Amino acid sequence: MITVSILIPAYNEQNTIRSVLETVQRQAVPGVRFEVIVINDASIDDTARILRESSSLYSRLIEFERNRGKGAAGIA
């Protein structure tokens, strides 16, 4: 079994984050396990709350205390 890590950066994505995670969770590839890592880049809307309520949809959550910008998710 191969593990593929999927990074999902999120900043103020309250309207879409659950849908994105559900879509990713529905994907299936024989012999591949998906590790979904969400990086919340200090969202100021309800993104953090939605992520906490949806923890079954991802493998790991990284939360930044201050916004670091688009590129920071890849170096989390």
PDB file of N, CA and C in Angstrom:
ATOM      1  N   MET A   1       0.846  -1.175   0.000  1.00  0.00           N
ATOM      2  CA  MET A   1       0.000   0.000   0.000  1.00  0.00           C
ATOM      3  C   MET A   1       0.898   1.247   0.000  1.00  0.00           C
ATOM      4  N   ILE A   2       0.589   2.167  -0.873  1.00  0.00           N
ATOM      5  CA  ILE A   2       1.305   3.432  -0.973  1.00  0.00           C
ATOM      6  C   ILE A   2       0.477   4.508  -0.279  1.00  0.00           C
ATOM      7  N   THR A   3       1.143   5.394   0.457  1.00  0.00           N
ATOM      8  CA  THR A   3       0.461   6.522   1.084  1.00  0.00           C
ATOM      9  C   THR A   3       0.768   7.787   0.297  1.00  0.00           C
ATOM     10  N   VAL A   4      -0.284   8.491  -0.081  1.00  0.00           N
ATOM     11  CA  VAL A   4      -0.158   9.768  -0.777  1.00  0.00           C
ATOM     12  C   VAL A   4      -0.666  10.852   0.158  1.00  0.00           C
ATOM     13  N   SER A   5       0.187  11.839   0.431  1.00  0.00           N
ATOM     14  CA  SER A   5      -0.205  12.948   1.293  1.00  0.00           C
ATOM     15  C   SER A   5      -0.821  14.055   0.450  1.00  0.00           C
ATOM     16  N   ILE A   6      -1.960  14.519   0.892  1.00  0.00           N
ATOM     17  CA  ILE A   6      -2.661  15.613   0.217  1.00  0.00           C
ATOM     18  C   ILE A   6      -2.706  16.784   1.185  1.00  0.00           C
ATOM     19  N   LEU A   7      -2.107  17.907   0.791  1.00  0.00           N
ATOM     20  CA  LEU A   7      -2.128  19.115   1.610  1.00  0.00           C
ATOM     21  C   LEU A   7      -3.271  20.004   1.158  1.00  0.00           C
ATOM     22  N   ILE A   8      -4.093  20.416   2.106  1.00  0.00           N
ATOM     23  CA  ILE A   8      -5.208  21.310   1.798  1.00  0.00           C
ATOM     24  C   ILE A   8      -5.050  22.576   2.634  1.00  0.00           C
ATOM     25  N   PRO A   9      -4.534  23.642   2.025  1.00  0.00           N
ATOM     26  CA  PRO A   9      -4.434  24.903   2.752  1.00  0.00           C
ATOM     27  C   PRO A   9      -5.822  25.544   2.849  1.00  0.00           C
ATOM     28  N   ALA A  10      -6.100  26.176   3.990  1.00  0.00           N
ATOM     29  CA  ALA A  10      -7.405  26.807   4.177  1.00  0.00           C
ATOM     30  C   ALA A  10      -7.233  28.158   4.860  1.00  0.00           C
ATOM     31  N   TYR A  11      -7.826  29.160   4.267  1.00  0.00           N
ATOM     32  CA  TYR A  11      -7.898  30.479   4.898  1.00  0.00           C
ATOM     33  C   TYR A  11      -9.273  31.057   4.598  1.00  0.00           C
ATOM     34  N   ASN A  12     -10.072  31.173   5.630  1.00  0.00           N
ATOM     35  CA  ASN A  12     -11.439  31.696   5.502  1.00  0.00           C
ATOM     36  C   ASN A  12     -12.234  30.929   4.442  1.00  0.00           C
ATOM     37  N   GLU A  13     -12.304  29.632   4.617  1.00  0.00           N
ATOM     38  CA  GLU A  13     -12.980  28.748   3.661  1.00  0.00           C
ATOM     39  C   GLU A  13     -14.245  28.138   4.249  1.00  0.00           C
ATOM     40  N   GLN A  14     -14.930  28.865   5.137  1.00  0.00           N
ATOM     41  CA  GLN A  14     -16.095  28.294   5.809  1.00  0.00           C
ATOM     42  C   GLN A  14     -17.170  27.798   4.838  1.00  0.00           C
ATOM     43  N   ASN A  15     -17.274  28.399   3.677  1.00  0.00           N
ATOM     44  CA  ASN A  15     -18.314  28.012   2.720  1.00  0.00           C
ATOM     45  C   ASN A  15     -17.967  26.773   1.905  1.00  0.00           C
ATOM     46  N   THR A  16     -16.681  26.384   1.874  1.00  0.00           N
ATOM     47  CA  THR A  16     -16.281  25.300   0.972  1.00  0.00           C
ATOM     48  C   THR A  16     -15.491  24.173   1.616  1.00  0.00           C
ATOM     49  N   ILE A  17     -14.914  24.380   2.803  1.00  0.00           N
ATOM     50  CA  ILE A  17     -13.959  23.408   3.331  1.00  0.00           C
ATOM     51  C   ILE A  17     -14.564  22.025   3.542  1.00  0.00           C
ATOM     52  N   ARG A  18     -15.758  21.943   4.077  1.00  0.00           N
ATOM     53  CA  ARG A  18     -16.369  20.625   4.300  1.00  0.00           C
ATOM     54  C   ARG A  18     -16.612  19.905   2.976  1.00  0.00           C
ATOM     55  N   SER A  19     -17.096  20.627   1.995  1.00  0.00           N
ATOM     56  CA  SER A  19     -17.342  20.039   0.674  1.00  0.00           C
ATOM     57  C   SER A  19     -16.047  19.530   0.040  1.00  0.00           C
ATOM     58  N   VAL A  20     -14.976  20.301   0.151  1.00  0.00           N
ATOM     59  CA  VAL A  20     -13.681  19.884  -0.392  1.00  0.00           C
ATOM     60  C   VAL A  20     -13.217  18.598   0.299  1.00  0.00           C
ATOM     61  N   LEU A  21     -13.304  18.560   1.624  1.00  0.00           N
ATOM     62  CA  LEU A  21     -12.870  17.374   2.367  1.00  0.00           C
ATOM     63  C   LEU A  21     -13.720  16.156   2.031  1.00  0.00           C
ATOM     64  N   GLU A  22     -15.020  16.343   1.877  1.00  0.00           N
ATOM     65  CA  GLU A  22     -15.900  15.229   1.517  1.00  0.00           C
ATOM     66  C   GLU A  22     -15.566  14.704   0.121  1.00  0.00           C
ATOM     67  N   THR A  23     -15.266  15.604  -0.794  1.00  0.00           N
ATOM     68  CA  THR A  23     -14.899  15.198  -2.157  1.00  0.00           C
ATOM     69  C   THR A  23     -13.609  14.397  -2.144  1.00  0.00           C
ATOM     70  N   VAL A  24     -12.626  14.862  -1.401  1.00  0.00           N
ATOM     71  CA  VAL A  24     -11.349  14.150  -1.312  1.00  0.00           C
ATOM     72  C   VAL A  24     -11.564  12.779  -0.677  1.00  0.00           C
ATOM     73  N   GLN A  25     -12.374  12.710   0.365  1.00  0.00           N
ATOM     74  CA  GLN A  25     -12.602  11.438   1.059  1.00  0.00           C
ATOM     75  C   GLN A  25     -13.260  10.395   0.140  1.00  0.00           C
ATOM     76  N   ARG A  26     -14.068  10.837  -0.812  1.00  0.00           N
ATOM     77  CA  ARG A  26     -14.743   9.905  -1.727  1.00  0.00           C
ATOM     78  C   ARG A  26     -13.803   9.295  -2.771  1.00  0.00           C
ATOM     79  N   GLN A  27     -12.625   9.844  -2.929  1.00  0.00           N
ATOM     80  CA  GLN A  27     -11.697   9.344  -3.941  1.00  0.00           C
ATOM     81  C   GLN A  27     -11.106   8.011  -3.502  1.00  0.00           C
ATOM     82  N   ALA A  28     -10.944   7.145  -4.456  1.00  0.00           N
ATOM     83  CA  ALA A  28     -10.365   5.832  -4.158  1.00  0.00           C
ATOM     84  C   ALA A  28      -9.479   5.397  -5.318  1.00  0.00           C
ATOM     85  N   VAL A  29      -8.293   4.959  -4.959  1.00  0.00           N
ATOM     86  CA  VAL A  29      -7.348   4.428  -5.937  1.00  0.00           C
ATOM     87  C   VAL A  29      -6.828   3.117  -5.360  1.00  0.00           C
ATOM     88  N   PRO A  30      -6.971   2.009  -6.098  1.00  0.00           N
ATOM     89  CA  PRO A  30      -6.500   0.721  -5.571  1.00  0.00           C
ATOM     90  C   PRO A  30      -5.024   0.792  -5.178  1.00  0.00           C
ATOM     91  N   GLY A  31      -4.728   0.309  -3.975  1.00  0.00           N
ATOM     92  CA  GLY A  31      -3.353   0.262  -3.495  1.00  0.00           C
ATOM     93  C   GLY A  31      -2.821   1.578  -2.958  1.00  0.00           C
ATOM     94  N   VAL A  32      -3.701   2.577  -2.846  1.00  0.00           N
ATOM     95  CA  VAL A  32      -3.269   3.897  -2.367  1.00  0.00           C
ATOM     96  C   VAL A  32      -4.101   4.294  -1.156  1.00  0.00           C
ATOM     97  N   ARG A  33      -3.406   4.748  -0.136  1.00  0.00           N
ATOM     98  CA  ARG A  33      -4.043   5.302   1.060  1.00  0.00           C
ATOM     99  C   ARG A  33      -3.776   6.802   1.030  1.00  0.00           C
ATOM    100  N   PHE A  34      -4.813   7.604   1.223  1.00  0.00           N
ATOM    101  CA  PHE A  34      -4.655   9.053   1.233  1.00  0.00           C
ATOM    102  C   PHE A  34      -4.513   9.554   2.665  1.00  0.00           C
ATOM    103  N   GLU A  35      -3.490  10.356   2.877  1.00  0.00           N
ATOM    104  CA  GLU A  35      -3.291  11.050   4.146  1.00  0.00           C
ATOM    105  C   GLU A  35      -3.633  12.514   3.864  1.00  0.00           C
ATOM    106  N   VAL A  36      -4.741  12.980   4.433  1.00  0.00           N
ATOM    107  CA  VAL A  36      -5.202  14.341   4.168  1.00  0.00           C
ATOM    108  C   VAL A  36      -4.759  15.243   5.316  1.00  0.00           C
ATOM    109  N   ILE A  37      -3.943  16.231   4.978  1.00  0.00           N
ATOM    110  CA  ILE A  37      -3.427  17.173   5.966  1.00  0.00           C
ATOM    111  C   ILE A  37      -3.996  18.550   5.633  1.00  0.00           C
ATOM    112  N   VAL A  38      -4.733  19.107   6.587  1.00  0.00           N
ATOM    113  CA  VAL A  38      -5.324  20.432   6.404  1.00  0.00           C
ATOM    114  C   VAL A  38      -4.483  21.447   7.171  1.00  0.00           C
ATOM    115  N   ILE A  39      -4.156  22.544   6.517  1.00  0.00           N
ATOM    116  CA  ILE A  39      -3.405  23.616   7.152  1.00  0.00           C
ATOM    117  C   ILE A  39      -4.317  24.838   7.229  1.00  0.00           C
ATOM    118  N   ASN A  40      -4.776  25.154   8.435  1.00  0.00           N
ATOM    119  CA  ASN A  40      -5.612  26.332   8.639  1.00  0.00           C
ATOM    120  C   ASN A  40      -4.690  27.520   8.889  1.00  0.00           C
ATOM    121  N   ASP A  41      -4.683  28.440   7.950  1.00  0.00           N
ATOM    122  CA  ASP A  41      -3.759  29.570   7.977  1.00  0.00           C
ATOM    123  C   ASP A  41      -4.360  30.759   8.731  1.00  0.00           C
ATOM    124  N   ALA A  42      -4.711  30.528  10.002  1.00  0.00           N
ATOM    125  CA  ALA A  42      -5.239  31.576  10.894  1.00  0.00           C
ATOM    126  C   ALA A  42      -6.523  32.199  10.369  1.00  0.00           C
ATOM    127  N   SER A  43      -7.436  31.350   9.924  1.00  0.00           N
ATOM    128  CA  SER A  43      -8.733  31.844   9.442  1.00  0.00           C
ATOM    129  C   SER A  43      -9.426  32.653  10.522  1.00  0.00           C
ATOM    130  N   ILE A  44     -10.151  33.692  10.087  1.00  0.00           N
ATOM    131  CA  ILE A  44     -10.883  34.522  11.039  1.00  0.00           C
ATOM    132  C   ILE A  44     -12.398  34.327  10.923  1.00  0.00           C
ATOM    133  N   ASP A  45     -12.826  33.404  10.073  1.00  0.00           N
ATOM    134  CA  ASP A  45     -14.240  33.061   9.971  1.00  0.00           C
ATOM    135  C   ASP A  45     -14.470  31.758  10.733  1.00  0.00           C
ATOM    136  N   ASP A  46     -15.453  30.968  10.362  1.00  0.00           N
ATOM    137  CA  ASP A  46     -15.775  29.724  11.072  1.00  0.00           C
ATOM    138  C   ASP A  46     -15.025  28.499  10.555  1.00  0.00           C
ATOM    139  N   THR A  47     -14.011  28.688   9.748  1.00  0.00           N
ATOM    140  CA  THR A  47     -13.261  27.558   9.201  1.00  0.00           C
ATOM    141  C   THR A  47     -12.721  26.648  10.303  1.00  0.00           C
ATOM    142  N   ALA A  48     -12.106  27.209  11.331  1.00  0.00           N
ATOM    143  CA  ALA A  48     -11.524  26.398  12.412  1.00  0.00           C
ATOM    144  C   ALA A  48     -12.592  25.560  13.108  1.00  0.00           C
ATOM    145  N   ARG A  49     -13.746  26.149  13.384  1.00  0.00           N
ATOM    146  CA  ARG A  49     -14.833  25.413  14.039  1.00  0.00           C
ATOM    147  C   ARG A  49     -15.313  24.264  13.148  1.00  0.00           C
ATOM    148  N   ILE A  50     -15.498  24.538  11.877  1.00  0.00           N
ATOM    149  CA  ILE A  50     -15.957  23.512  10.940  1.00  0.00           C
ATOM    150  C   ILE A  50     -14.937  22.380  10.859  1.00  0.00           C
ATOM    151  N   LEU A  51     -13.659  22.720  10.837  1.00  0.00           N
ATOM    152  CA  LEU A  51     -12.622  21.688  10.796  1.00  0.00           C
ATOM    153  C   LEU A  51     -12.660  20.822  12.053  1.00  0.00           C
ATOM    154  N   ARG A  52     -12.815  21.441  13.220  1.00  0.00           N
ATOM    155  CA  ARG A  52     -12.888  20.656  14.462  1.00  0.00           C
ATOM    156  C   ARG A  52     -14.095  19.711  14.434  1.00  0.00           C
ATOM    157  N   GLU A  53     -15.202  20.173  13.877  1.00  0.00           N
ATOM    158  CA  GLU A  53     -16.417  19.357  13.795  1.00  0.00           C
ATOM    159  C   GLU A  53     -16.325  18.274  12.719  1.00  0.00           C
ATOM    160  N   SER A  54     -15.375  18.377  11.825  1.00  0.00           N
ATOM    161  CA  SER A  54     -15.253  17.460  10.684  1.00  0.00           C
ATOM    162  C   SER A  54     -13.969  16.641  10.736  1.00  0.00           C
ATOM    163  N   SER A  55     -13.472  16.373  11.910  1.00  0.00           N
ATOM    164  CA  SER A  55     -12.158  15.727  12.050  1.00  0.00           C
ATOM    165  C   SER A  55     -12.089  14.332  11.427  1.00  0.00           C
ATOM    166  N   SER A  56     -13.220  13.699  11.186  1.00  0.00           N
ATOM    167  CA  SER A  56     -13.200  12.378  10.546  1.00  0.00           C
ATOM    168  C   SER A  56     -12.863  12.469   9.057  1.00  0.00           C
ATOM    169  N   LEU A  57     -12.842  13.678   8.501  1.00  0.00           N
ATOM    170  CA  LEU A  57     -12.612  13.859   7.069  1.00  0.00           C
ATOM    171  C   LEU A  57     -11.144  14.097   6.713  1.00  0.00           C
ATOM    172  N   TYR A  58     -10.268  14.179   7.706  1.00  0.00           N
ATOM    173  CA  TYR A  58      -8.861  14.400   7.429  1.00  0.00           C
ATOM    174  C   TYR A  58      -8.010  13.633   8.436  1.00  0.00           C
ATOM    175  N   SER A  59      -6.737  13.478   8.102  1.00  0.00           N
ATOM    176  CA  SER A  59      -5.807  12.733   8.953  1.00  0.00           C
ATOM    177  C   SER A  59      -5.151  13.606  10.005  1.00  0.00           C
ATOM    178  N   ARG A  60      -4.853  14.845   9.620  1.00  0.00           N
ATOM    179  CA  ARG A  60      -4.104  15.731  10.518  1.00  0.00           C
ATOM    180  C   ARG A  60      -4.487  17.179  10.248  1.00  0.00           C
ATOM    181  N   LEU A  61      -4.512  17.969  11.310  1.00  0.00           N
ATOM    182  CA  LEU A  61      -4.802  19.393  11.190  1.00  0.00           C
ATOM    183  C   LEU A  61      -3.633  20.186  11.771  1.00  0.00           C
ATOM    184  N   ILE A  62      -3.147  21.129  10.983  1.00  0.00           N
ATOM    185  CA  ILE A  62      -2.112  22.053  11.441  1.00  0.00           C
ATOM    186  C   ILE A  62      -2.753  23.433  11.457  1.00  0.00           C
ATOM    187  N   GLU A  63      -2.621  24.131  12.581  1.00  0.00           N
ATOM    188  CA  GLU A  63      -3.220  25.454  12.683  1.00  0.00           C
ATOM    189  C   GLU A  63      -2.151  26.498  12.974  1.00  0.00           C
ATOM    190  N   PHE A  64      -2.080  27.499  12.107  1.00  0.00           N
ATOM    191  CA  PHE A  64      -1.166  28.608  12.316  1.00  0.00           C
ATOM    192  C   PHE A  64      -1.856  29.662  13.172  1.00  0.00           C
ATOM    193  N   GLU A  65      -1.106  30.280  14.087  1.00  0.00           N
ATOM    194  CA  GLU A  65      -1.663  31.319  14.947  1.00  0.00           C
ATOM    195  C   GLU A  65      -1.779  32.659  14.225  1.00  0.00           C
ATOM    196  N   ARG A  66      -0.934  32.857  13.221  1.00  0.00           N
ATOM    197  CA  ARG A  66      -1.027  34.075  12.405  1.00  0.00           C
ATOM    198  C   ARG A  66      -0.955  33.660  10.936  1.00  0.00           C
ATOM    199  N   ASN A  67      -1.561  34.447  10.089  1.00  0.00           N
ATOM    200  CA  ASN A  67      -1.593  34.142   8.669  1.00  0.00           C
ATOM    201  C   ASN A  67      -0.193  34.213   8.089  1.00  0.00           C
ATOM    202  N   ARG A  68       0.189  33.154   7.377  1.00  0.00           N
ATOM    203  CA  ARG A  68       1.530  33.079   6.790  1.00  0.00           C
ATOM    204  C   ARG A  68       1.517  33.158   5.271  1.00  0.00           C
ATOM    205  N   GLY A  69       0.364  33.173   4.660  1.00  0.00           N
ATOM    206  CA  GLY A  69       0.265  33.279   3.203  1.00  0.00           C
ATOM    207  C   GLY A  69       0.249  31.928   2.519  1.00  0.00           C
ATOM    208  N   LYS A  70      -0.053  31.948   1.226  1.00  0.00           N
ATOM    209  CA  LYS A  70      -0.241  30.732   0.433  1.00  0.00           C
ATOM    210  C   LYS A  70       0.928  29.747   0.499  1.00  0.00           C
ATOM    211  N   GLY A  71       2.123  30.222   0.382  1.00  0.00           N
ATOM    212  CA  GLY A  71       3.280  29.352   0.290  1.00  0.00           C
ATOM    213  C   GLY A  71       3.626  28.630   1.584  1.00  0.00           C
ATOM    214  N   ALA A  72       3.161  29.100   2.706  1.00  0.00           N
ATOM    215  CA  ALA A  72       3.534  28.514   3.993  1.00  0.00           C
ATOM    216  C   ALA A  72       2.940  27.131   4.218  1.00  0.00           C
ATOM    217  N   ALA A  73       1.837  26.805   3.597  1.00  0.00           N
ATOM    218  CA  ALA A  73       1.202  25.504   3.809  1.00  0.00           C
ATOM    219  C   ALA A  73       2.140  24.362   3.404  1.00  0.00           C
ATOM    220  N   GLY A  74       2.930  24.553   2.383  1.00  0.00           N
ATOM    221  CA  GLY A  74       3.835  23.517   1.906  1.00  0.00           C
ATOM    222  C   GLY A  74       5.023  23.266   2.799  1.00  0.00           C
ATOM    223  N   ILE A  75       5.316  24.193   3.703  1.00  0.00           N
ATOM    224  CA  ILE A  75       6.449  24.009   4.605  1.00  0.00           C
ATOM    225  C   ILE A  75       6.013  23.789   6.040  1.00  0.00           C
ATOM    226  N   ALA A  76       4.746  23.462   6.209  1.00  0.00           N
ATOM    227  CA  ALA A  76       4.202  23.221   7.556  1.00  0.00           C
ATOM    228  C   ALA A  76       4.833  21.967   8.087  1.00  0.00           C
TER     229      ALA A  76
END
